[in-house]
């Protein structure tokens, strides 16, 4: 159990319309509905208030849990193409998330731990950031990539990287979607996730799995069973 995290609200977005894996958010993973793992992680990290943004009736009608508030998400914000920023802003504008820090915990990252949440909060407090996100090591060969504009190749980064040996390229990281810590005041004012002072903290690849398909779900089930 982490120290109590005052002035913080966790947001767990649990949408019902998954195409890749129908019923994903309420499907039992290691005996617990997928979304509930994110809720449990927040509570175990000492976050006293958790908002579940959902259009799933079974979640909205579930038995009351101390510190947990299921809130109905409008149908217009529960579509396949709905950006997460729109969901965040809706719950900010309606007062569901208060005025402190918002910790976004997506249900599709069930292998995160309460310690990962605490690491994100610590990085936020120590670094003077507007947003902090979890990352894991990525394939450094992406530095060789580019975009095709007509017949012209435009490097995504330093053009010299395109012709370098992979082993000589610098290490890279990628967002893993597990933990986001956001200053609600900054977000309410700027109404975007990019453009601010963004920090990151490293999570191991073994805890950075994201569930989108049945194969992903089965992999996480096996990993939880071995943990």
Protein backbone atom coordinates (compact mmCIF):
# COMPACT_ATOMS: atom_id res chain seq x y z
CA UNK A 1 0.00 0.00 0.00
CA UNK A 2 1.38 3.35 -1.02
CA UNK A 3 1.04 6.51 1.04
CA UNK A 4 -2.29 8.25 0.70
CA UNK A 5 -2.39 10.37 -2.45
CA UNK A 6 -4.48 13.42 -1.55
CA UNK A 7 -5.94 15.73 -4.20
CA UNK A 8 -5.74 13.10 -6.92
CA UNK A 9 -8.47 11.44 -8.96
CA UNK A 10 -7.93 8.35 -11.08
CA UNK A 11 -9.92 8.06 -14.30
CA UNK A 12 -10.55 4.57 -15.68
CA UNK A 13 -12.10 4.75 -19.20
CA UNK A 14 -14.13 1.59 -19.83
CA UNK A 15 -15.91 1.69 -23.17
CA UNK A 16 -18.23 -1.13 -24.20
CA UNK A 17 -17.86 -1.12 -27.97
CA UNK A 18 -14.54 -2.85 -28.56
CA UNK A 19 -14.30 -4.31 -32.06
CA UNK A 20 -11.04 -6.23 -31.65
CA UNK A 21 -12.25 -8.08 -28.55
CA UNK A 22 -15.98 -7.69 -27.83
CA UNK A 23 -16.82 -7.14 -24.17
CA UNK A 24 -13.15 -6.59 -23.42
CA UNK A 25 -13.47 -4.25 -20.44
CA UNK A 26 -15.73 -6.58 -18.45
CA UNK A 27 -14.14 -9.86 -19.54
CA UNK A 28 -12.66 -11.70 -16.53
CA UNK A 29 -8.88 -11.60 -16.49
CA UNK A 30 -7.34 -13.83 -13.83
CA UNK A 31 -10.73 -13.93 -12.10
CA UNK A 32 -11.32 -10.15 -12.14
CA UNK A 33 -13.08 -8.02 -14.80
CA UNK A 34 -10.44 -6.28 -16.89
CA UNK A 35 -11.47 -2.74 -15.87
CA UNK A 36 -11.36 -3.69 -12.19
CA UNK A 37 -7.62 -4.28 -12.35
CA UNK A 38 -7.12 -0.57 -13.08
CA UNK A 39 -9.48 0.36 -10.24
CA UNK A 40 -7.64 -1.92 -7.83
CA UNK A 41 -4.27 -0.52 -8.88
CA UNK A 42 -5.44 3.04 -8.18
CA UNK A 43 -6.83 2.17 -4.76
CA UNK A 44 -3.75 0.17 -3.83
CA UNK A 45 -1.60 3.18 -4.80
CA UNK A 46 -3.48 5.23 -2.19
CA UNK A 47 -5.67 7.21 -4.60
CA UNK A 48 -8.85 7.79 -2.67
CA UNK A 49 -11.20 8.57 -5.55
CA UNK A 50 -11.60 6.63 -8.77
CA UNK A 51 -13.99 7.65 -11.57
CA UNK A 52 -14.97 4.97 -14.08
CA UNK A 53 -16.04 6.59 -17.35
CA UNK A 54 -18.29 4.03 -19.00
CA UNK A 55 -21.28 3.29 -21.17
CA UNK A 56 -21.51 -0.28 -19.85
CA UNK A 57 -24.66 -0.85 -17.82
CA UNK A 58 -23.20 -3.72 -15.78
CA UNK A 59 -20.46 -1.42 -14.50
CA UNK A 60 -22.87 1.42 -13.80
CA UNK A 61 -25.13 -0.98 -11.88
CA UNK A 62 -22.34 -2.78 -10.01
CA UNK A 63 -22.34 -2.81 -6.18
CA UNK A 64 -20.94 0.33 -4.58
CA UNK A 65 -17.23 0.28 -3.84
CA UNK A 66 -15.70 2.77 -1.42
CA UNK A 67 -14.01 5.59 -3.29
CA UNK A 68 -15.19 4.40 -6.71
CA UNK A 69 -17.74 6.30 -8.81
CA UNK A 70 -19.01 4.85 -12.09
CA UNK A 71 -20.12 7.75 -14.31
CA UNK A 72 -22.11 7.31 -17.50
CA UNK A 73 -20.22 8.45 -20.57
CA UNK A 74 -22.37 10.02 -23.31
CA UNK A 75 -22.83 7.76 -26.34
CA UNK A 76 -21.21 10.40 -28.56
CA UNK A 77 -17.99 9.96 -26.54
CA UNK A 78 -18.06 6.16 -26.64
CA UNK A 79 -17.37 5.66 -30.33
CA UNK A 80 -14.47 3.80 -31.95
CA UNK A 81 -12.88 7.04 -33.14
CA UNK A 82 -13.46 9.10 -29.96
CA UNK A 83 -10.11 10.60 -28.86
CA UNK A 84 -9.19 10.18 -25.20
CA UNK A 85 -8.69 13.93 -24.91
CA UNK A 86 -12.43 14.42 -25.55
CA UNK A 87 -13.29 11.99 -22.76
CA UNK A 88 -10.92 13.71 -20.35
CA UNK A 89 -12.26 17.17 -21.17
CA UNK A 90 -15.86 16.02 -20.77
CA UNK A 91 -15.24 14.76 -17.26
CA UNK A 92 -13.22 17.86 -16.39
CA UNK A 93 -15.94 20.19 -17.66
CA UNK A 94 -18.69 18.31 -15.79
CA UNK A 95 -16.71 18.46 -12.53
CA UNK A 96 -16.19 14.72 -12.20
CA UNK A 97 -12.41 15.05 -11.87
CA UNK A 98 -12.03 18.07 -9.60
CA UNK A 99 -9.10 20.48 -9.73
CA UNK A 100 -6.07 18.41 -8.71
CA UNK A 101 -4.11 15.77 -10.54
CA UNK A 102 -5.74 13.25 -12.85
CA UNK A 103 -4.21 9.81 -13.18
CA UNK A 104 -5.46 8.14 -16.36
CA UNK A 105 -5.37 4.33 -16.08
CA UNK A 106 -6.51 2.50 -19.19
CA UNK A 107 -7.99 -0.95 -18.50
CA UNK A 108 -6.05 -2.40 -21.41
CA UNK A 109 -2.78 -2.22 -19.41
CA UNK A 110 -3.54 -4.72 -16.63
CA UNK A 111 0.07 -5.61 -15.81
CA UNK A 112 0.93 -2.21 -14.35
CA UNK A 113 1.42 -2.18 -10.58
CA UNK A 114 0.57 0.34 -7.86
CA UNK A 115 4.31 1.04 -7.69
CA UNK A 116 4.21 2.16 -11.34
CA UNK A 117 1.49 4.66 -10.48
CA UNK A 118 3.53 5.90 -7.55
CA UNK A 119 6.57 6.26 -9.83
CA UNK A 120 4.54 8.41 -12.22
CA UNK A 121 3.32 10.63 -9.41
CA UNK A 122 6.84 10.98 -8.03
CA UNK A 123 8.21 11.98 -11.44
CA UNK A 124 5.42 14.55 -11.81
CA UNK A 125 6.09 16.10 -8.40
CA UNK A 126 9.85 16.18 -8.84
CA UNK A 127 10.06 17.46 -12.40
CA UNK A 128 7.72 20.43 -12.79
CA UNK A 129 5.78 18.76 -15.60
CA UNK A 130 2.28 19.31 -16.98
CA UNK A 131 1.96 15.66 -17.94
CA UNK A 132 3.94 12.52 -17.15
CA UNK A 133 3.50 9.23 -18.99
CA UNK A 134 4.87 5.73 -18.64
CA UNK A 135 7.19 4.46 -21.35
CA UNK A 136 9.12 1.30 -22.12
CA UNK A 137 12.16 0.62 -24.26
CA UNK A 138 11.45 0.65 -27.98
CA UNK A 139 13.12 -0.66 -31.12
CA UNK A 140 15.87 1.82 -31.91
CA UNK A 141 15.64 0.98 -35.61
CA UNK A 142 12.63 3.33 -35.81
CA UNK A 143 15.20 6.13 -35.95
CA UNK A 144 15.99 4.93 -39.48
CA UNK A 145 12.41 5.45 -40.60
CA UNK A 146 10.94 8.29 -42.62
CA UNK A 147 7.93 9.40 -44.63
CA UNK A 148 7.46 9.31 -48.38
CA UNK A 149 6.46 12.62 -49.93
CA UNK A 150 5.85 11.83 -53.57
CA UNK A 151 9.13 10.22 -54.55
CA UNK A 152 11.16 11.90 -51.82
CA UNK A 153 12.23 10.28 -48.53
CA UNK A 154 12.04 12.54 -45.49
CA UNK A 155 13.73 11.26 -42.32
CA UNK A 156 11.72 11.33 -39.13
CA UNK A 157 14.81 12.28 -37.17
CA UNK A 158 18.48 12.93 -37.91
CA UNK A 159 19.05 11.91 -41.57
CA UNK A 160 22.34 10.30 -40.53
CA UNK A 161 20.41 7.72 -38.51
CA UNK A 162 18.86 6.34 -41.72
CA UNK A 163 22.25 5.03 -42.85
CA UNK A 164 23.65 4.05 -39.43
CA UNK A 165 24.09 0.53 -38.09
CA UNK A 166 21.26 -0.33 -35.74
CA UNK A 167 23.71 -1.08 -32.92
CA UNK A 168 25.10 2.44 -33.09
CA UNK A 169 21.74 4.15 -32.78
CA UNK A 170 20.76 5.73 -29.44
CA UNK A 171 18.19 4.02 -27.24
CA UNK A 172 14.56 5.02 -27.73
CA UNK A 173 11.41 4.68 -25.64
CA UNK A 174 7.75 4.47 -26.57
CA UNK A 175 4.58 5.31 -24.62
CA UNK A 176 3.07 2.08 -23.27
CA UNK A 177 -0.35 3.51 -22.32
CA UNK A 178 -0.27 2.27 -18.73
CA UNK A 179 -0.07 5.46 -16.63
CA UNK A 180 -0.65 9.13 -17.37
CA UNK A 181 -0.44 11.82 -14.69
CA UNK A 182 -2.00 15.09 -15.82
CA UNK A 183 -2.34 18.54 -14.26
CA UNK A 184 -6.07 19.16 -14.57
CA UNK A 185 -5.68 22.94 -14.51
CA UNK A 186 -3.23 22.87 -17.40
CA UNK A 187 -5.45 20.49 -19.35
CA UNK A 188 -8.58 22.53 -18.72
CA UNK A 189 -6.83 25.67 -19.95
CA UNK A 190 -5.01 24.24 -23.00
CA UNK A 191 -7.51 21.49 -23.90
CA UNK A 192 -4.87 19.26 -25.44
CA UNK A 193 -2.38 16.62 -24.28
CA UNK A 194 0.57 17.70 -26.38
CA UNK A 195 2.48 20.95 -26.23
CA UNK A 196 3.17 21.08 -22.51
CA UNK A 197 6.11 20.03 -20.37
CA UNK A 198 5.95 16.25 -20.74
CA UNK A 199 7.92 13.91 -18.53
CA UNK A 200 8.23 10.16 -18.62
CA UNK A 201 9.28 7.22 -16.46
CA UNK A 202 10.43 3.81 -17.54
CA UNK A 203 8.42 0.62 -17.03
CA UNK A 204 9.79 -2.81 -17.93
CA UNK A 205 8.61 -4.45 -21.13
CA UNK A 206 7.13 -7.29 -19.10
CA UNK A 207 4.57 -4.94 -17.56
CA UNK A 208 3.93 -2.96 -20.75
CA UNK A 209 1.55 -5.33 -22.55
CA UNK A 210 -1.58 -3.76 -24.04
CA UNK A 211 -4.75 -5.76 -24.68
CA UNK A 212 -6.42 -5.31 -28.04
CA UNK A 213 -7.00 -8.88 -29.27
CA UNK A 214 -7.76 -12.31 -27.86
CA UNK A 215 -4.08 -13.20 -28.23
CA UNK A 216 -3.14 -10.18 -26.11
CA UNK A 217 -5.71 -11.19 -23.51
CA UNK A 218 -4.41 -14.77 -23.38
CA UNK A 219 -0.81 -13.54 -23.05
CA UNK A 220 -1.71 -11.30 -20.09
CA UNK A 221 -3.65 -14.14 -18.49
CA UNK A 222 -0.56 -16.36 -18.67
CA UNK A 223 1.72 -13.64 -17.32
CA UNK A 224 -0.58 -12.90 -14.37
CA UNK A 225 -0.82 -16.60 -13.59
CA UNK A 226 2.99 -16.76 -13.38
CA UNK A 227 3.41 -13.60 -11.31
